[in-house]
Amino acid sequence: MDEILSYAPTMPRTDKWGNEIKYQRERPEFTISSAGQNKKLGTDDDMKAILKVPPSE
């Protein structure tokens, strides 16, 4: 996570319920996720976004 936040130090580190926001980078994807309102990972209220990173030329 430190590597990712070094590019954008103002990115939030917690969601609105106080859960840690997880930033993961696994080429070719970049995933942002949190446990959501019930504070439990793996449930229907989890927040998750997956971004596809285009290959470098």
Protein backbone atom coordinates (compact mmCIF):
# COMPACT_ATOMS: atom_id res chain seq x y z
CA MET A 1 0.00 0.00 0.00
CA ASP A 2 2.84 2.42 0.75
CA GLU A 3 4.03 2.20 -2.85
CA ILE A 4 0.56 3.07 -4.15
CA LEU A 5 0.01 5.93 -1.69
CA SER A 6 3.40 7.40 -2.55
CA TYR A 7 1.92 8.29 -5.95
CA ALA A 8 -1.17 9.91 -4.42
CA PRO A 9 -0.60 10.72 -0.73
CA THR A 10 -4.01 12.39 -0.36
CA MET A 11 -5.94 9.19 -1.13
CA PRO A 12 -8.23 8.24 1.77
CA ARG A 13 -7.03 5.51 4.11
CA THR A 14 -10.40 4.73 5.70
CA ASP A 15 -13.98 4.56 4.42
CA LYS A 16 -16.86 6.51 5.96
CA TRP A 17 -17.38 3.72 8.56
CA GLY A 18 -13.74 3.82 9.70
CA ASN A 19 -12.64 0.64 7.89
CA GLU A 20 -9.21 0.52 6.27
CA ILE A 21 -9.33 0.99 2.51
CA LYS A 22 -7.16 -1.63 0.86
CA TYR A 23 -5.21 -0.65 -2.25
CA GLN A 24 -3.77 -3.58 -4.18
CA ARG A 25 -1.77 -3.57 -7.37
CA GLU A 26 -1.50 -6.77 -9.34
CA ARG A 27 -0.79 -6.18 -12.99
CA PRO A 28 -2.84 -5.60 -15.02
CA GLU A 29 -5.33 -4.67 -12.27
CA PHE A 30 -5.54 -2.13 -9.47
CA THR A 31 -8.09 -2.96 -6.75
CA ILE A 32 -9.57 -0.63 -4.12
CA SER A 33 -11.74 -2.25 -1.44
CA SER A 34 -13.18 -1.92 2.07
CA ALA A 35 -15.40 -3.99 4.37
CA GLY A 36 -18.39 -1.64 4.15
CA GLN A 37 -20.91 -0.65 6.79
CA ASN A 38 -21.02 -4.00 8.64
CA LYS A 39 -17.19 -3.99 8.97
CA LYS A 40 -16.93 -7.62 7.75
CA LEU A 41 -15.02 -8.57 4.61
CA GLY A 42 -16.64 -11.01 2.21
CA THR A 43 -20.23 -9.81 2.65
CA ASP A 44 -22.69 -8.14 0.28
CA ASP A 45 -22.03 -4.62 1.53
CA ASP A 46 -18.28 -4.66 0.75
CA MET A 47 -17.06 -1.84 -1.45
CA LYS A 48 -14.77 -2.86 -4.32
CA ALA A 49 -13.52 -1.29 -7.53
CA ILE A 50 -11.23 -3.01 -10.03
CA LEU A 51 -9.39 -0.89 -12.57
CA LYS A 52 -7.64 -2.39 -15.58
CA VAL A 53 -4.24 -0.83 -16.18
CA PRO A 54 -3.23 -0.66 -19.86
CA PRO A 55 0.15 -2.19 -20.63
CA SER A 56 3.10 0.16 -20.83
CA GLU A 57 4.49 0.80 -24.26
